Amino acid sequence: MSNVFIAFQTNEETRSIIEAIADDNPNAIINEQPAMVKIDAPDSLTIKRASIEEKMGRDFDLQELHVHLITLSGHIDETDDEFNLSWLN
């Protein structure tokens, strides 16, 4: 089993994104630091547009993630509704 991870800048917009990720990925480990938040998960991590929209209270385009993204590790599979990180076997 390998971990995937994604790290975001710490700012007002990413708070809602991180809350949505934590709700949708109960096995994720959230590591908050002063300037960034790193999220590790075993095998895969799913980021759902609908969950982020619910937390933010507005429409959200998953492409907006890239503005706040610092780094990530894993294979990316991205649609209009989900951003998935995983390790392909």
N, C-alpha and C. Protein backbone atom coordinates (compact mmCIF):
# COMPACT_ATOMS: atom_id res chain seq x y z
N MET A 1 0.83 -1.17 0.00
CA MET A 1 0.00 0.00 0.00
C MET A 1 0.89 1.24 0.00
N SER A 2 0.59 2.17 -0.89
CA SER A 2 1.34 3.42 -0.98
C SER A 2 0.40 4.59 -0.76
N ASN A 3 0.93 5.63 -0.16
CA ASN A 3 0.13 6.83 0.04
C ASN A 3 0.20 7.74 -1.18
N VAL A 4 -0.91 8.40 -1.45
CA VAL A 4 -0.94 9.52 -2.38
C VAL A 4 -1.03 10.76 -1.49
N PHE A 5 -0.67 11.92 -2.04
CA PHE A 5 -0.85 13.13 -1.26
C PHE A 5 -1.06 14.33 -2.18
N ILE A 6 -1.64 15.35 -1.58
CA ILE A 6 -1.83 16.63 -2.26
C ILE A 6 -1.61 17.71 -1.21
N ALA A 7 -1.02 18.81 -1.60
CA ALA A 7 -0.76 19.91 -0.67
C ALA A 7 -1.27 21.21 -1.27
N PHE A 8 -1.94 21.98 -0.45
CA PHE A 8 -2.52 23.27 -0.85
C PHE A 8 -1.94 24.40 -0.02
N GLN A 9 -1.94 25.60 -0.59
CA GLN A 9 -1.62 26.79 0.18
C GLN A 9 -2.70 26.96 1.25
N THR A 10 -2.35 27.53 2.36
CA THR A 10 -3.34 27.84 3.39
C THR A 10 -3.92 29.21 3.09
N ASN A 11 -5.20 29.24 2.76
CA ASN A 11 -5.91 30.50 2.53
C ASN A 11 -7.40 30.28 2.73
N GLU A 12 -8.18 31.32 2.60
CA GLU A 12 -9.62 31.23 2.87
C GLU A 12 -10.32 30.24 1.95
N GLU A 13 -9.98 30.22 0.67
CA GLU A 13 -10.62 29.32 -0.29
C GLU A 13 -10.30 27.85 -0.01
N THR A 14 -9.07 27.57 0.38
CA THR A 14 -8.69 26.17 0.57
C THR A 14 -9.31 25.56 1.83
N ARG A 15 -9.76 26.37 2.76
CA ARG A 15 -10.39 25.81 3.96
C ARG A 15 -11.60 24.95 3.58
N SER A 16 -12.44 25.45 2.69
CA SER A 16 -13.62 24.70 2.25
C SER A 16 -13.21 23.47 1.45
N ILE A 17 -12.19 23.59 0.62
CA ILE A 17 -11.71 22.46 -0.18
C ILE A 17 -11.21 21.36 0.73
N ILE A 18 -10.42 21.71 1.73
CA ILE A 18 -9.86 20.73 2.66
C ILE A 18 -10.95 20.07 3.49
N GLU A 19 -11.94 20.84 3.94
CA GLU A 19 -13.06 20.26 4.68
C GLU A 19 -13.80 19.24 3.83
N ALA A 20 -14.04 19.56 2.56
CA ALA A 20 -14.75 18.64 1.66
C ALA A 20 -13.94 17.37 1.43
N ILE A 21 -12.64 17.51 1.23
CA ILE A 21 -11.78 16.34 1.04
C ILE A 21 -11.80 15.46 2.27
N ALA A 22 -11.70 16.06 3.46
CA ALA A 22 -11.72 15.29 4.71
C ALA A 22 -13.04 14.53 4.87
N ASP A 23 -14.15 15.16 4.54
CA ASP A 23 -15.46 14.51 4.66
C ASP A 23 -15.58 13.32 3.69
N ASP A 24 -15.08 13.49 2.47
CA ASP A 24 -15.22 12.46 1.43
C ASP A 24 -14.17 11.35 1.54
N ASN A 25 -13.12 11.57 2.29
CA ASN A 25 -12.01 10.60 2.41
C ASN A 25 -11.69 10.38 3.89
N PRO A 26 -12.49 9.54 4.57
CA PRO A 26 -12.30 9.37 6.01
C PRO A 26 -10.93 8.81 6.41
N ASN A 27 -10.22 8.16 5.49
CA ASN A 27 -8.89 7.62 5.80
C ASN A 27 -7.77 8.63 5.58
N ALA A 28 -8.12 9.81 5.09
CA ALA A 28 -7.11 10.84 4.81
C ALA A 28 -6.56 11.41 6.11
N ILE A 29 -5.28 11.75 6.07
CA ILE A 29 -4.60 12.37 7.20
C ILE A 29 -4.29 13.81 6.82
N ILE A 30 -4.85 14.75 7.57
CA ILE A 30 -4.68 16.17 7.30
C ILE A 30 -3.54 16.69 8.17
N ASN A 31 -2.53 17.27 7.52
CA ASN A 31 -1.37 17.81 8.22
C ASN A 31 -1.32 19.32 7.94
N GLU A 32 -1.79 20.11 8.92
CA GLU A 32 -1.83 21.56 8.75
C GLU A 32 -0.53 22.18 9.23
N GLN A 33 0.03 23.04 8.39
CA GLN A 33 1.24 23.79 8.73
C GLN A 33 0.94 25.27 8.50
N PRO A 34 1.81 26.16 8.90
CA PRO A 34 1.50 27.59 8.78
C PRO A 34 1.15 28.06 7.35
N ALA A 35 1.86 27.58 6.35
CA ALA A 35 1.64 28.09 5.00
C ALA A 35 1.01 27.08 4.05
N MET A 36 0.80 25.84 4.52
CA MET A 36 0.23 24.81 3.64
C MET A 36 -0.49 23.74 4.44
N VAL A 37 -1.32 23.00 3.71
CA VAL A 37 -2.00 21.84 4.28
C VAL A 37 -1.71 20.66 3.36
N LYS A 38 -1.13 19.60 3.92
CA LYS A 38 -0.83 18.40 3.16
C LYS A 38 -1.82 17.32 3.56
N ILE A 39 -2.38 16.65 2.56
CA ILE A 39 -3.35 15.60 2.80
C ILE A 39 -2.79 14.30 2.24
N ASP A 40 -2.58 13.33 3.11
CA ASP A 40 -2.10 12.00 2.72
C ASP A 40 -3.26 11.02 2.82
N ALA A 41 -3.27 10.05 1.90
CA ALA A 41 -4.30 9.00 1.95
C ALA A 41 -3.72 7.70 1.42
N PRO A 42 -4.09 6.58 2.02
CA PRO A 42 -3.61 5.29 1.52
C PRO A 42 -4.28 4.95 0.18
N ASP A 43 -3.47 4.67 -0.81
CA ASP A 43 -3.90 4.20 -2.14
C ASP A 43 -4.59 5.22 -3.04
N SER A 44 -5.60 5.94 -2.54
CA SER A 44 -6.30 6.88 -3.42
C SER A 44 -6.95 8.00 -2.62
N LEU A 45 -7.25 9.08 -3.33
CA LEU A 45 -7.89 10.25 -2.76
C LEU A 45 -8.83 10.81 -3.81
N THR A 46 -10.07 11.10 -3.43
CA THR A 46 -11.05 11.64 -4.36
C THR A 46 -11.51 13.01 -3.90
N ILE A 47 -11.46 13.98 -4.81
CA ILE A 47 -11.93 15.33 -4.55
C ILE A 47 -13.17 15.54 -5.41
N LYS A 48 -14.31 15.81 -4.77
CA LYS A 48 -15.59 15.93 -5.48
C LYS A 48 -16.03 17.39 -5.58
N ARG A 49 -16.33 17.79 -6.81
CA ARG A 49 -16.81 19.15 -7.06
C ARG A 49 -18.03 19.46 -6.21
N ALA A 50 -19.01 18.56 -6.19
CA ALA A 50 -20.26 18.79 -5.47
C ALA A 50 -20.02 19.04 -3.98
N SER A 51 -19.09 18.30 -3.39
CA SER A 51 -18.79 18.48 -1.97
C SER A 51 -18.16 19.84 -1.70
N ILE A 52 -17.28 20.27 -2.59
CA ILE A 52 -16.65 21.59 -2.43
C ILE A 52 -17.70 22.68 -2.59
N GLU A 53 -18.56 22.54 -3.58
CA GLU A 53 -19.62 23.53 -3.80
C GLU A 53 -20.52 23.65 -2.57
N GLU A 54 -20.83 22.52 -1.95
CA GLU A 54 -21.66 22.53 -0.74
C GLU A 54 -20.98 23.30 0.38
N LYS A 55 -19.67 23.08 0.57
CA LYS A 55 -18.93 23.78 1.62
C LYS A 55 -18.76 25.27 1.33
N MET A 56 -18.51 25.60 0.03
CA MET A 56 -18.27 26.99 -0.35
C MET A 56 -19.55 27.80 -0.51
N GLY A 57 -20.64 27.10 -0.85
CA GLY A 57 -21.89 27.81 -1.10
C GLY A 57 -21.92 28.52 -2.44
N ARG A 58 -21.12 28.00 -3.38
CA ARG A 58 -21.10 28.59 -4.73
C ARG A 58 -20.64 27.53 -5.73
N ASP A 59 -20.81 27.83 -7.02
CA ASP A 59 -20.31 26.93 -8.05
C ASP A 59 -18.79 26.88 -7.97
N PHE A 60 -18.24 25.72 -8.29
CA PHE A 60 -16.79 25.53 -8.23
C PHE A 60 -16.35 24.70 -9.42
N ASP A 61 -15.37 25.18 -10.14
CA ASP A 61 -14.76 24.46 -11.25
C ASP A 61 -13.50 23.79 -10.69
N LEU A 62 -13.39 22.47 -10.85
CA LEU A 62 -12.24 21.77 -10.28
C LEU A 62 -10.90 22.29 -10.79
N GLN A 63 -10.89 22.97 -11.92
CA GLN A 63 -9.65 23.58 -12.40
C GLN A 63 -9.13 24.63 -11.43
N GLU A 64 -10.02 25.16 -10.59
CA GLU A 64 -9.61 26.15 -9.58
C GLU A 64 -8.64 25.55 -8.56
N LEU A 65 -8.65 24.22 -8.41
CA LEU A 65 -7.70 23.57 -7.49
C LEU A 65 -6.27 23.94 -7.82
N HIS A 66 -5.96 24.05 -9.10
CA HIS A 66 -4.59 24.28 -9.54
C HIS A 66 -4.03 25.62 -9.08
N VAL A 67 -4.91 26.58 -8.84
CA VAL A 67 -4.46 27.89 -8.36
C VAL A 67 -3.87 27.78 -6.96
N HIS A 68 -4.41 26.88 -6.17
CA HIS A 68 -4.02 26.75 -4.76
C HIS A 68 -3.07 25.58 -4.51
N LEU A 69 -2.80 24.79 -5.52
CA LEU A 69 -2.01 23.57 -5.41
C LEU A 69 -0.51 23.88 -5.25
N ILE A 70 0.13 23.19 -4.33
CA ILE A 70 1.59 23.29 -4.17
C ILE A 70 2.25 22.09 -4.83
N THR A 71 1.81 20.89 -4.47
CA THR A 71 2.39 19.67 -5.03
C THR A 71 1.41 18.52 -4.82
N LEU A 72 1.68 17.42 -5.52
CA LEU A 72 0.88 16.22 -5.35
C LEU A 72 1.69 15.01 -5.75
N SER A 73 1.22 13.84 -5.33
CA SER A 73 1.89 12.60 -5.67
C SER A 73 0.83 11.55 -5.95
N GLY A 74 0.91 10.95 -7.13
CA GLY A 74 -0.03 9.92 -7.54
C GLY A 74 -0.43 10.12 -8.99
N HIS A 75 -1.11 9.14 -9.52
CA HIS A 75 -1.65 9.21 -10.88
C HIS A 75 -2.93 10.04 -10.83
N ILE A 76 -3.06 11.00 -11.74
CA ILE A 76 -4.22 11.89 -11.77
C ILE A 76 -5.24 11.39 -12.78
N ASP A 77 -6.50 11.34 -12.35
CA ASP A 77 -7.63 11.08 -13.23
C ASP A 77 -8.65 12.17 -12.93
N GLU A 78 -8.87 13.05 -13.89
CA GLU A 78 -9.66 14.24 -13.63
C GLU A 78 -10.83 14.35 -14.60
N THR A 79 -12.03 14.61 -14.06
CA THR A 79 -13.21 14.89 -14.86
C THR A 79 -13.76 16.24 -14.39
N ASP A 80 -14.89 16.65 -14.94
CA ASP A 80 -15.51 17.89 -14.48
C ASP A 80 -16.05 17.77 -13.06
N ASP A 81 -16.32 16.52 -12.62
CA ASP A 81 -16.94 16.30 -11.32
C ASP A 81 -16.01 15.77 -10.24
N GLU A 82 -14.91 15.12 -10.63
CA GLU A 82 -14.00 14.54 -9.64
C GLU A 82 -12.54 14.67 -10.06
N PHE A 83 -11.70 14.80 -9.06
CA PHE A 83 -10.25 14.81 -9.21
C PHE A 83 -9.75 13.66 -8.35
N ASN A 84 -9.19 12.62 -9.00
CA ASN A 84 -8.75 11.43 -8.28
C ASN A 84 -7.24 11.28 -8.35
N LEU A 85 -6.66 10.95 -7.23
CA LEU A 85 -5.25 10.59 -7.14
C LEU A 85 -5.18 9.13 -6.72
N SER A 86 -4.36 8.34 -7.39
CA SER A 86 -4.21 6.94 -7.01
C SER A 86 -2.89 6.42 -7.53
N TRP A 87 -2.55 5.23 -7.09
CA TRP A 87 -1.40 4.54 -7.65
C TRP A 87 -1.96 3.37 -8.47
N LEU A 88 -1.65 3.37 -9.76
CA LEU A 88 -2.12 2.30 -10.63
C LEU A 88 -1.31 1.05 -10.38
N ASN A 89 -1.94 -0.08 -10.35
CA ASN A 89 -1.25 -1.36 -10.13
C ASN A 89 -0.98 -2.01 -11.47
